[in-house]
């Protein structure tokens, strides 16, 4: 299996593209509570000292809490879902066909 890299031909006019984007941001703390920044909410938590007991708060502060004592660190895996406009679809990856023939680059792109 081989991959073929194609790049967008910037001389062609493309319509505006929008897409849903998920951003994951790990936030750590040196105690039992890790707080996500504004616009993010915790998707999962991890704790030190082999603690497997956590809770997520989705009130005013979006936080992960570790329930064990003592705890030396907590990590919140904070998630944000947003819509981005005018996504640059500049790089396209295509696979070589099983019969050995190269896959062609999509319309509006060219092989690198």
C-alpha atoms as a PDB file:
ATOM      1  CA  UNK A   1       0.000   0.000   0.000  1.00  0.00           C
ATOM      2  CA  UNK A   2       1.365   3.393  -0.929  1.00  0.00           C
ATOM      3  CA  UNK A   3       0.091   6.896  -0.344  1.00  0.00           C
ATOM      4  CA  UNK A   4       0.052   9.638  -2.924  1.00  0.00           C
ATOM      5  CA  UNK A   5       0.199  13.245  -1.769  1.00  0.00           C
ATOM      6  CA  UNK A   6      -1.830  15.795  -3.713  1.00  0.00           C
ATOM      7  CA  UNK A   7      -1.914  19.552  -3.178  1.00  0.00           C
ATOM      8  CA  UNK A   8      -4.689  21.983  -4.002  1.00  0.00           C
ATOM      9  CA  UNK A   9      -4.209  23.949  -7.192  1.00  0.00           C
ATOM     10  CA  UNK A  10      -4.510  27.466  -5.760  1.00  0.00           C
ATOM     11  CA  UNK A  11      -5.069  28.946  -9.203  1.00  0.00           C
ATOM     12  CA  UNK A  12      -8.601  27.457  -9.223  1.00  0.00           C
ATOM     13  CA  UNK A  13     -11.522  29.155  -7.472  1.00  0.00           C
ATOM     14  CA  UNK A  14     -13.008  27.085  -4.642  1.00  0.00           C
ATOM     15  CA  UNK A  15     -16.244  27.842  -2.784  1.00  0.00           C
ATOM     16  CA  UNK A  16     -16.060  28.621   0.921  1.00  0.00           C
ATOM     17  CA  UNK A  17     -15.992  25.438   2.976  1.00  0.00           C
ATOM     18  CA  UNK A  18     -17.122  25.138   6.582  1.00  0.00           C
ATOM     19  CA  UNK A  19     -16.571  22.189   8.891  1.00  0.00           C
ATOM     20  CA  UNK A  20     -17.134  21.084  12.459  1.00  0.00           C
ATOM     21  CA  UNK A  21     -13.807  20.975  14.290  1.00  0.00           C
ATOM     22  CA  UNK A  22     -13.152  19.154  17.559  1.00  0.00           C
ATOM     23  CA  UNK A  23     -10.260  20.474  19.616  1.00  0.00           C
ATOM     24  CA  UNK A  24      -8.950  18.440  22.551  1.00  0.00           C
ATOM     25  CA  UNK A  25      -6.858  20.252  25.132  1.00  0.00           C
ATOM     26  CA  UNK A  26      -5.254  18.441  28.092  1.00  0.00           C
ATOM     27  CA  UNK A  27      -5.264  20.608  31.238  1.00  0.00           C
ATOM     28  CA  UNK A  28      -3.269  19.462  34.251  1.00  0.00           C
ATOM     29  CA  UNK A  29      -3.262  20.435  37.921  1.00  0.00           C
ATOM     30  CA  UNK A  30      -1.070  19.435  40.865  1.00  0.00           C
ATOM     31  CA  UNK A  31      -4.057  18.698  43.107  1.00  0.00           C
ATOM     32  CA  UNK A  32      -7.465  16.997  42.851  1.00  0.00           C
ATOM     33  CA  UNK A  33      -9.245  19.492  40.524  1.00  0.00           C
ATOM     34  CA  UNK A  34      -8.438  20.425  36.903  1.00  0.00           C
ATOM     35  CA  UNK A  35     -10.493  23.217  35.288  1.00  0.00           C
ATOM     36  CA  UNK A  36     -11.128  23.566  31.544  1.00  0.00           C
ATOM     37  CA  UNK A  37     -10.753  27.012  29.942  1.00  0.00           C
ATOM     38  CA  UNK A  38     -13.819  29.005  28.843  1.00  0.00           C
ATOM     39  CA  UNK A  39     -15.477  27.416  25.811  1.00  0.00           C
ATOM     40  CA  UNK A  40     -14.250  23.898  26.661  1.00  0.00           C
ATOM     41  CA  UNK A  41     -15.790  21.122  28.741  1.00  0.00           C
ATOM     42  CA  UNK A  42     -14.200  17.980  30.186  1.00  0.00           C
ATOM     43  CA  UNK A  43     -14.682  14.823  28.135  1.00  0.00           C
ATOM     44  CA  UNK A  44     -12.665  12.582  30.434  1.00  0.00           C
ATOM     45  CA  UNK A  45     -10.382  12.775  33.475  1.00  0.00           C
ATOM     46  CA  UNK A  46      -7.220  11.088  34.709  1.00  0.00           C
ATOM     47  CA  UNK A  47      -5.703  11.065  38.200  1.00  0.00           C
ATOM     48  CA  UNK A  48      -2.427  10.191  39.866  1.00  0.00           C
ATOM     49  CA  UNK A  49      -1.822   7.676  42.675  1.00  0.00           C
ATOM     50  CA  UNK A  50      -3.698   4.942  40.719  1.00  0.00           C
ATOM     51  CA  UNK A  51      -7.020   6.666  41.441  1.00  0.00           C
ATOM     52  CA  UNK A  52      -9.808   5.530  39.142  1.00  0.00           C
ATOM     53  CA  UNK A  53     -12.617   7.460  40.813  1.00  0.00           C
ATOM     54  CA  UNK A  54     -13.420  10.783  39.114  1.00  0.00           C
ATOM     55  CA  UNK A  55     -16.360  13.111  38.605  1.00  0.00           C
ATOM     56  CA  UNK A  56     -17.061  15.850  36.068  1.00  0.00           C
ATOM     57  CA  UNK A  57     -18.719  19.150  36.985  1.00  0.00           C
ATOM     58  CA  UNK A  58     -20.470  21.035  34.178  1.00  0.00           C
ATOM     59  CA  UNK A  59     -21.679  24.047  36.158  1.00  0.00           C
ATOM     60  CA  UNK A  60     -20.151  27.512  35.895  1.00  0.00           C
ATOM     61  CA  UNK A  61     -16.707  25.912  36.114  1.00  0.00           C
ATOM     62  CA  UNK A  62     -16.126  22.888  33.891  1.00  0.00           C
ATOM     63  CA  UNK A  63     -13.938  20.651  36.056  1.00  0.00           C
ATOM     64  CA  UNK A  64     -12.589  17.161  36.665  1.00  0.00           C
ATOM     65  CA  UNK A  65     -12.406  16.054  40.295  1.00  0.00           C
ATOM     66  CA  UNK A  66     -10.413  13.091  41.592  1.00  0.00           C
ATOM     67  CA  UNK A  67     -12.137  11.389  44.519  1.00  0.00           C
ATOM     68  CA  UNK A  68      -9.139   9.600  46.114  1.00  0.00           C
ATOM     69  CA  UNK A  69      -6.851  10.864  48.877  1.00  0.00           C
ATOM     70  CA  UNK A  70      -4.024  11.716  48.538  1.00  0.00           C
ATOM     71  CA  UNK A  71      -3.840  12.917  44.920  1.00  0.00           C
ATOM     72  CA  UNK A  72      -0.729  14.420  43.353  1.00  0.00           C
ATOM     73  CA  UNK A  73      -2.114  15.346  39.915  1.00  0.00           C
ATOM     74  CA  UNK A  74      -5.319  15.550  37.869  1.00  0.00           C
ATOM     75  CA  UNK A  75      -5.742  15.953  34.113  1.00  0.00           C
ATOM     76  CA  UNK A  76      -8.920  17.072  32.346  1.00  0.00           C
ATOM     77  CA  UNK A  77      -9.190  16.234  28.647  1.00  0.00           C
ATOM     78  CA  UNK A  78     -11.083  19.367  27.614  1.00  0.00           C
ATOM     79  CA  UNK A  79     -13.128  19.362  24.397  1.00  0.00           C
ATOM     80  CA  UNK A  80     -14.430  22.196  22.246  1.00  0.00           C
ATOM     81  CA  UNK A  81     -16.687  21.732  19.207  1.00  0.00           C
ATOM     82  CA  UNK A  82     -16.793  24.676  16.843  1.00  0.00           C
ATOM     83  CA  UNK A  83     -17.588  25.511  13.236  1.00  0.00           C
ATOM     84  CA  UNK A  84     -14.766  26.935  11.155  1.00  0.00           C
ATOM     85  CA  UNK A  85     -15.361  28.778   7.906  1.00  0.00           C
ATOM     86  CA  UNK A  86     -13.173  28.762   4.787  1.00  0.00           C
ATOM     87  CA  UNK A  87     -11.275  25.606   5.679  1.00  0.00           C
ATOM     88  CA  UNK A  88      -8.133  25.259   3.550  1.00  0.00           C
ATOM     89  CA  UNK A  89      -8.346  21.827   1.995  1.00  0.00           C
ATOM     90  CA  UNK A  90      -4.786  22.196   0.721  1.00  0.00           C
ATOM     91  CA  UNK A  91      -3.516  18.643   1.229  1.00  0.00           C
ATOM     92  CA  UNK A  92      -5.273  15.485   0.087  1.00  0.00           C
ATOM     93  CA  UNK A  93      -3.904  11.980   0.628  1.00  0.00           C
ATOM     94  CA  UNK A  94      -4.966   9.165  -1.702  1.00  0.00           C
ATOM     95  CA  UNK A  95      -4.070   5.467  -1.590  1.00  0.00           C
ATOM     96  CA  UNK A  96      -2.580   3.370  -4.360  1.00  0.00           C
ATOM     97  CA  UNK A  97      -5.114   0.855  -5.666  1.00  0.00           C
ATOM     98  CA  UNK A  98      -4.618  -2.820  -4.793  1.00  0.00           C
ATOM     99  CA  UNK A  99      -4.010  -3.654  -8.467  1.00  0.00           C
ATOM    100  CA  UNK A 100      -0.896  -1.480  -8.447  1.00  0.00           C
ATOM    101  CA  UNK A 101      -2.363   1.434 -10.418  1.00  0.00           C
ATOM    102  CA  UNK A 102      -1.888   4.788  -8.774  1.00  0.00           C
ATOM    103  CA  UNK A 103      -4.966   6.567  -7.548  1.00  0.00           C
ATOM    104  CA  UNK A 104      -5.386   9.866  -9.341  1.00  0.00           C
ATOM    105  CA  UNK A 105      -5.509  13.127  -7.458  1.00  0.00           C
ATOM    106  CA  UNK A 106      -9.000  14.619  -7.005  1.00  0.00           C
ATOM    107  CA  UNK A 107     -10.161  17.399  -9.325  1.00  0.00           C
ATOM    108  CA  UNK A 108      -8.512  20.720  -8.515  1.00  0.00           C
ATOM    109  CA  UNK A 109      -5.390  19.118  -7.054  1.00  0.00           C
ATOM    110  CA  UNK A 110      -2.092  17.881  -8.437  1.00  0.00           C
ATOM    111  CA  UNK A 111       0.478  15.283  -7.371  1.00  0.00           C
ATOM    112  CA  UNK A 112       3.370  16.515  -5.231  1.00  0.00           C
END
